[in-house]
């Protein structure tokens, strides 16, 4: 994978919270959810991150790639500029 969505960055930007409020357990708590599973289990962490992403989509967030690797360096991708080769944005089916 050379590009991805850093859910912590997306969460912080969307809900306007500082970086120290983007730990997995804190994000879940602030959204009124409990952590499901065993802490630090890759599978359980992934499921909980997916629950956060679904909630963000329901709340109107447009989740987009915000980090990538280029030349071995981690780079932030601007949310204002479409990523090369990305399909045009579409309405989320989760919006009301």
N, C-alpha and C. Protein backbone atom coordinates (compact mmCIF):
# COMPACT_ATOMS: atom_id res chain seq x y z
N UNK A 1 0.85 -1.18 0.00
CA UNK A 1 0.00 0.00 0.00
C UNK A 1 0.89 1.24 0.00
N UNK A 2 0.65 2.12 -0.95
CA UNK A 2 1.43 3.35 -1.02
C UNK A 2 0.61 4.58 -0.66
N UNK A 3 -0.68 4.39 -0.47
CA UNK A 3 -1.54 5.51 -0.06
C UNK A 3 -2.68 4.94 0.79
N UNK A 4 -3.13 5.73 1.76
CA UNK A 4 -4.13 5.24 2.69
C UNK A 4 -4.82 6.41 3.39
N UNK A 5 -5.84 6.07 4.16
CA UNK A 5 -6.53 7.05 5.00
C UNK A 5 -6.04 6.84 6.43
N UNK A 6 -5.45 7.88 7.00
CA UNK A 6 -5.09 7.87 8.41
C UNK A 6 -6.34 8.32 9.16
N UNK A 7 -7.06 7.37 9.77
CA UNK A 7 -8.34 7.67 10.39
C UNK A 7 -8.19 8.68 11.53
N UNK A 8 -7.04 8.67 12.21
CA UNK A 8 -6.83 9.63 13.29
C UNK A 8 -6.81 11.06 12.75
N UNK A 9 -6.14 11.28 11.63
CA UNK A 9 -6.11 12.62 11.02
C UNK A 9 -7.49 13.02 10.54
N UNK A 10 -8.18 12.09 9.87
CA UNK A 10 -9.52 12.39 9.36
C UNK A 10 -10.48 12.72 10.50
N UNK A 11 -10.43 11.93 11.56
CA UNK A 11 -11.29 12.14 12.73
C UNK A 11 -11.02 13.51 13.35
N UNK A 12 -9.74 13.80 13.59
CA UNK A 12 -9.38 15.08 14.20
C UNK A 12 -9.82 16.27 13.37
N UNK A 13 -9.62 16.19 12.07
CA UNK A 13 -10.01 17.29 11.19
C UNK A 13 -11.53 17.43 11.09
N UNK A 14 -12.23 16.30 11.00
CA UNK A 14 -13.69 16.35 10.83
C UNK A 14 -14.39 16.83 12.09
N UNK A 15 -14.01 16.28 13.24
CA UNK A 15 -14.69 16.63 14.49
C UNK A 15 -14.00 17.79 15.22
N UNK A 16 -12.94 18.34 14.63
CA UNK A 16 -12.23 19.50 15.19
C UNK A 16 -11.75 19.23 16.61
N UNK A 17 -11.00 18.13 16.77
CA UNK A 17 -10.44 17.80 18.07
C UNK A 17 -8.92 17.73 17.95
N UNK A 18 -8.20 18.01 19.04
CA UNK A 18 -6.73 17.96 18.99
C UNK A 18 -6.22 16.53 18.86
N UNK A 19 -4.98 16.41 18.44
CA UNK A 19 -4.34 15.11 18.20
C UNK A 19 -4.42 14.18 19.42
N UNK A 20 -4.34 14.75 20.62
CA UNK A 20 -4.38 13.90 21.82
C UNK A 20 -5.77 13.31 22.08
N UNK A 21 -6.76 13.70 21.27
CA UNK A 21 -8.11 13.15 21.39
C UNK A 21 -8.40 12.13 20.30
N UNK A 22 -7.32 11.63 19.62
CA UNK A 22 -7.54 10.72 18.50
C UNK A 22 -6.99 9.31 18.77
N UNK A 23 -6.82 8.95 20.02
CA UNK A 23 -6.49 7.56 20.35
C UNK A 23 -7.76 6.74 20.09
N UNK A 24 -7.57 5.50 19.69
CA UNK A 24 -8.70 4.65 19.33
C UNK A 24 -9.77 4.61 20.41
N UNK A 25 -9.38 4.36 21.64
CA UNK A 25 -10.37 4.25 22.72
C UNK A 25 -11.09 5.58 22.97
N UNK A 26 -10.37 6.69 22.83
CA UNK A 26 -10.98 8.00 23.05
C UNK A 26 -11.95 8.34 21.91
N UNK A 27 -11.55 8.01 20.67
CA UNK A 27 -12.46 8.27 19.54
C UNK A 27 -13.76 7.50 19.73
N UNK A 28 -13.65 6.22 20.09
CA UNK A 28 -14.85 5.40 20.31
C UNK A 28 -15.70 6.00 21.43
N UNK A 29 -15.06 6.35 22.53
CA UNK A 29 -15.78 6.90 23.68
C UNK A 29 -16.52 8.18 23.30
N UNK A 30 -15.85 9.07 22.56
CA UNK A 30 -16.47 10.33 22.16
C UNK A 30 -17.64 10.12 21.21
N UNK A 31 -17.65 8.99 20.51
CA UNK A 31 -18.75 8.67 19.60
C UNK A 31 -19.82 7.83 20.29
N UNK A 32 -19.66 7.60 21.60
CA UNK A 32 -20.65 6.85 22.36
C UNK A 32 -20.57 5.35 22.13
N UNK A 33 -19.39 4.85 21.75
CA UNK A 33 -19.21 3.43 21.48
C UNK A 33 -18.23 2.83 22.49
N UNK A 34 -18.38 1.54 22.72
CA UNK A 34 -17.44 0.80 23.55
C UNK A 34 -16.44 0.09 22.65
N UNK A 35 -15.25 -0.17 23.17
CA UNK A 35 -14.27 -0.94 22.44
C UNK A 35 -14.75 -2.39 22.42
N UNK A 36 -14.83 -2.99 21.24
CA UNK A 36 -15.22 -4.39 21.10
C UNK A 36 -13.97 -5.24 20.92
N UNK A 37 -13.82 -6.27 21.73
CA UNK A 37 -12.71 -7.20 21.56
C UNK A 37 -11.59 -6.99 22.55
N UNK A 38 -10.41 -7.53 22.17
CA UNK A 38 -9.22 -7.45 23.01
C UNK A 38 -8.35 -6.28 22.57
N UNK A 39 -7.91 -5.42 23.48
CA UNK A 39 -7.02 -4.31 23.11
C UNK A 39 -5.74 -4.82 22.45
N UNK A 40 -5.30 -4.10 21.47
CA UNK A 40 -4.06 -4.36 20.73
C UNK A 40 -4.12 -5.62 19.87
N UNK A 41 -5.31 -6.18 19.68
CA UNK A 41 -5.50 -7.25 18.72
C UNK A 41 -5.69 -6.58 17.37
N UNK A 42 -4.87 -6.95 16.40
CA UNK A 42 -4.96 -6.31 15.09
C UNK A 42 -6.34 -6.42 14.48
N UNK A 43 -6.96 -7.61 14.59
CA UNK A 43 -8.29 -7.81 14.02
C UNK A 43 -9.32 -6.96 14.75
N UNK A 44 -9.29 -6.96 16.08
CA UNK A 44 -10.26 -6.18 16.85
C UNK A 44 -10.05 -4.68 16.65
N UNK A 45 -8.79 -4.23 16.62
CA UNK A 45 -8.53 -2.81 16.35
C UNK A 45 -9.10 -2.43 14.98
N UNK A 46 -8.90 -3.28 13.99
CA UNK A 46 -9.40 -3.00 12.64
C UNK A 46 -10.92 -2.89 12.62
N UNK A 47 -11.58 -3.79 13.32
CA UNK A 47 -13.05 -3.75 13.37
C UNK A 47 -13.53 -2.46 14.04
N UNK A 48 -12.86 -2.05 15.10
CA UNK A 48 -13.25 -0.82 15.79
C UNK A 48 -12.98 0.41 14.93
N UNK A 49 -11.87 0.40 14.19
CA UNK A 49 -11.58 1.51 13.28
C UNK A 49 -12.65 1.58 12.20
N UNK A 50 -13.08 0.42 11.70
CA UNK A 50 -14.14 0.38 10.69
C UNK A 50 -15.44 0.97 11.25
N UNK A 51 -15.74 0.69 12.51
CA UNK A 51 -16.94 1.25 13.14
C UNK A 51 -16.85 2.78 13.20
N UNK A 52 -15.66 3.29 13.50
CA UNK A 52 -15.46 4.74 13.54
C UNK A 52 -15.65 5.32 12.14
N UNK A 53 -15.07 4.67 11.13
CA UNK A 53 -15.18 5.15 9.75
C UNK A 53 -16.64 5.18 9.30
N UNK A 54 -17.40 4.14 9.63
CA UNK A 54 -18.82 4.10 9.27
C UNK A 54 -19.57 5.26 9.92
N UNK A 55 -19.28 5.50 11.19
CA UNK A 55 -19.95 6.61 11.90
C UNK A 55 -19.59 7.96 11.27
N UNK A 56 -18.30 8.11 10.90
CA UNK A 56 -17.89 9.37 10.27
C UNK A 56 -18.62 9.57 8.94
N UNK A 57 -18.75 8.52 8.16
CA UNK A 57 -19.50 8.61 6.90
C UNK A 57 -20.96 8.99 7.16
N UNK A 58 -21.56 8.38 8.17
CA UNK A 58 -22.94 8.70 8.52
C UNK A 58 -23.08 10.15 8.95
N UNK A 59 -22.04 10.68 9.58
CA UNK A 59 -22.06 12.08 10.03
C UNK A 59 -21.71 13.06 8.91
N UNK A 60 -21.43 12.55 7.71
CA UNK A 60 -21.19 13.42 6.57
C UNK A 60 -19.74 13.63 6.18
N UNK A 61 -18.84 12.88 6.78
CA UNK A 61 -17.42 13.02 6.45
C UNK A 61 -17.14 12.41 5.08
N UNK A 62 -16.31 13.07 4.30
CA UNK A 62 -15.85 12.56 3.01
C UNK A 62 -14.46 11.99 3.24
N UNK A 63 -14.37 10.70 3.56
CA UNK A 63 -13.08 10.09 3.84
C UNK A 63 -12.27 10.01 2.55
N UNK A 64 -11.05 10.55 2.61
CA UNK A 64 -10.16 10.57 1.45
C UNK A 64 -8.75 10.18 1.88
N UNK A 65 -7.98 9.69 0.90
CA UNK A 65 -6.58 9.39 1.15
C UNK A 65 -5.92 10.65 1.71
N UNK A 66 -5.19 10.50 2.83
CA UNK A 66 -4.53 11.67 3.42
C UNK A 66 -3.06 11.43 3.73
N UNK A 67 -2.56 10.22 3.41
CA UNK A 67 -1.13 9.95 3.57
C UNK A 67 -0.68 9.01 2.45
N UNK A 68 0.61 9.14 2.11
CA UNK A 68 1.17 8.24 1.09
C UNK A 68 2.67 8.14 1.29
N UNK A 69 3.24 7.13 0.67
CA UNK A 69 4.70 6.96 0.65
C UNK A 69 5.19 7.39 -0.73
N UNK A 70 6.19 8.26 -0.76
CA UNK A 70 6.79 8.67 -2.03
C UNK A 70 8.30 8.73 -1.82
N UNK A 71 9.02 7.95 -2.60
CA UNK A 71 10.47 7.92 -2.46
C UNK A 71 10.92 7.48 -1.09
N UNK A 72 10.14 6.61 -0.45
CA UNK A 72 10.48 6.12 0.88
C UNK A 72 10.13 7.07 2.00
N UNK A 73 9.51 8.20 1.68
CA UNK A 73 9.16 9.20 2.69
C UNK A 73 7.65 9.25 2.89
N UNK A 74 7.22 9.37 4.14
CA UNK A 74 5.81 9.56 4.46
C UNK A 74 5.43 10.99 4.09
N UNK A 75 4.35 11.13 3.34
CA UNK A 75 3.90 12.45 2.92
C UNK A 75 2.41 12.61 3.23
N UNK A 76 2.03 13.82 3.61
CA UNK A 76 0.62 14.15 3.81
C UNK A 76 0.04 14.54 2.46
N UNK A 77 -1.17 14.07 2.18
CA UNK A 77 -1.86 14.41 0.95
C UNK A 77 -2.88 15.48 1.28
N UNK A 78 -2.85 16.59 0.57
CA UNK A 78 -3.79 17.68 0.81
C UNK A 78 -5.20 17.20 0.51
N UNK A 79 -6.14 17.51 1.39
CA UNK A 79 -7.52 17.10 1.17
C UNK A 79 -8.21 18.00 0.14
N UNK A 80 -7.60 19.13 -0.20
CA UNK A 80 -8.20 20.06 -1.15
C UNK A 80 -7.91 19.67 -2.60
N UNK A 81 -6.89 18.86 -2.82
CA UNK A 81 -6.49 18.49 -4.17
C UNK A 81 -6.82 17.03 -4.42
N UNK A 82 -7.54 16.72 -5.50
CA UNK A 82 -7.83 15.31 -5.78
C UNK A 82 -6.54 14.54 -6.03
N UNK A 83 -6.50 13.31 -5.56
CA UNK A 83 -5.36 12.45 -5.77
C UNK A 83 -5.34 11.99 -7.21
N UNK A 84 -4.15 11.94 -7.84
CA UNK A 84 -4.04 11.49 -9.22
C UNK A 84 -4.67 10.13 -9.36
N UNK A 85 -5.50 9.99 -10.39
CA UNK A 85 -6.11 8.72 -10.68
C UNK A 85 -7.30 8.39 -9.80
N UNK A 86 -7.63 9.26 -8.88
CA UNK A 86 -8.77 9.00 -8.01
C UNK A 86 -10.07 9.25 -8.77
N UNK A 87 -11.09 8.44 -8.51
CA UNK A 87 -12.38 8.69 -9.16
C UNK A 87 -12.98 9.97 -8.61
N UNK A 88 -13.87 10.60 -9.36
CA UNK A 88 -14.49 11.83 -8.85
C UNK A 88 -15.30 11.53 -7.59
N UNK A 89 -15.36 12.48 -6.66
CA UNK A 89 -16.11 12.26 -5.42
C UNK A 89 -17.58 11.98 -5.73
N UNK A 90 -18.18 11.10 -4.95
CA UNK A 90 -19.59 10.78 -5.11
C UNK A 90 -20.28 10.93 -3.78
N UNK A 91 -21.58 11.13 -3.84
CA UNK A 91 -22.36 11.26 -2.61
C UNK A 91 -22.26 9.96 -1.83
N UNK A 92 -22.02 10.08 -0.54
CA UNK A 92 -21.98 8.90 0.31
C UNK A 92 -23.39 8.35 0.48
N UNK A 93 -23.52 7.04 0.45
CA UNK A 93 -24.84 6.44 0.65
C UNK A 93 -25.27 6.53 2.10
N UNK A 94 -24.39 6.99 2.99
CA UNK A 94 -24.71 7.08 4.41
C UNK A 94 -25.27 8.43 4.80
N UNK A 95 -25.21 9.37 3.90
CA UNK A 95 -25.69 10.72 4.24
C UNK A 95 -27.22 10.70 4.28
N UNK A 96 -27.75 11.54 5.16
CA UNK A 96 -29.22 11.64 5.28
C UNK A 96 -29.75 12.66 4.33
